[in-house]
Protein backbone atom coordinates (compact mmCIF):
# COMPACT_ATOMS: atom_id res chain seq x y z
CA MET A 1 122.51 136.33 47.98
CA ASP A 2 123.29 139.95 48.74
CA ARG A 3 125.97 142.11 47.17
CA ILE A 4 128.52 141.59 49.97
CA GLU A 5 128.20 137.81 49.72
CA ARG A 6 128.70 137.92 45.93
CA ILE A 7 131.88 139.97 46.34
CA GLY A 8 133.17 137.37 48.80
CA LEU A 9 132.75 134.68 46.14
CA MET A 10 134.73 136.54 43.47
CA SER A 11 138.02 135.14 42.27
CA ALA A 12 141.15 137.28 42.60
CA ARG A 13 140.98 138.01 38.86
CA GLU A 14 137.31 139.04 39.02
CA LEU A 15 138.09 141.32 41.96
CA ALA A 16 141.01 142.89 40.07
CA LEU A 17 138.72 143.64 37.13
CA LEU A 18 136.09 145.24 39.35
CA GLY A 19 135.87 148.88 38.33
CA MET A 20 138.27 148.40 35.41
CA GLN A 21 136.03 150.44 33.11
CA ASP A 22 135.34 153.17 35.67
CA PHE A 23 138.36 153.93 37.83
CA ALA A 24 142.06 154.71 37.62
CA TYR A 25 144.22 154.75 40.72
CA ILE A 26 146.78 157.46 41.40
CA LYS A 27 149.67 156.82 43.75
CA ARG A 28 152.60 159.01 44.78
CA VAL A 29 155.89 157.40 43.78
CA VAL A 30 159.58 158.28 43.90
CA ILE A 31 161.61 157.41 40.82
CA ASP A 32 165.33 158.16 40.73
CA GLY A 33 164.90 160.51 43.70
CA ALA A 34 162.12 162.54 42.05
CA ALA A 35 158.51 162.52 43.24
CA GLY A 36 155.80 161.70 40.73
CA TYR A 37 152.29 160.32 40.46
CA ALA A 38 151.71 156.92 38.91
CA ILE A 39 148.39 156.16 37.23
CA HIS A 40 147.29 152.52 37.49
CA ALA A 41 144.39 150.59 35.97
CA ALA A 42 142.08 148.72 38.34
CA ASP A 43 144.10 145.53 37.79
CA GLY A 44 147.29 147.26 38.98
CA THR A 45 148.83 147.80 35.55
CA GLN A 46 150.83 151.03 35.54
CA ILE A 47 149.61 153.30 32.76
CA ALA A 48 151.69 156.45 33.22
CA VAL A 49 153.82 158.46 35.63
CA LEU A 50 153.41 162.23 35.72
CA ALA A 51 155.28 164.84 37.73
CA ASP A 52 152.18 166.71 38.91
CA ARG A 53 149.22 165.33 40.92
CA ASP A 54 146.69 167.71 39.39
CA LEU A 55 147.87 166.75 35.91
CA ALA A 56 147.50 163.05 36.78
CA PHE A 57 143.92 163.61 37.95
CA ALA A 58 143.09 165.71 34.88
CA THR A 59 144.56 163.06 32.58
CA VAL A 60 142.43 160.35 34.15
CA ARG A 61 139.26 162.47 33.89
CA GLN A 62 140.07 163.32 30.27
CA HIS A 63 139.79 159.60 29.53
CA ASP A 64 136.33 159.44 31.17
CA LEU A 65 137.57 157.59 34.26
CA GLU A 66 137.17 158.48 37.92
CA PRO A 67 140.52 159.08 39.67
CA VAL A 68 141.03 157.47 43.08
CA SER A 69 143.97 158.24 45.38
CA VAL A 70 145.94 155.30 46.75
CA HIS A 71 148.19 155.75 49.79
């Protein structure tokens, strides 16, 4: 069974945990009319919201994770 086939057999929970130890997702958000950048774990849990994109990326890297932009 190749890698693609194994991914297709993953449960929703297993898929959500994929990359949990390696990645954090950064998404632009608007809260109370102000733009910010939300940091999320691989399972979608919001970790933080910061006002500056560069600061969000630096924060993620400081915790030994790879930041990934989400649109």
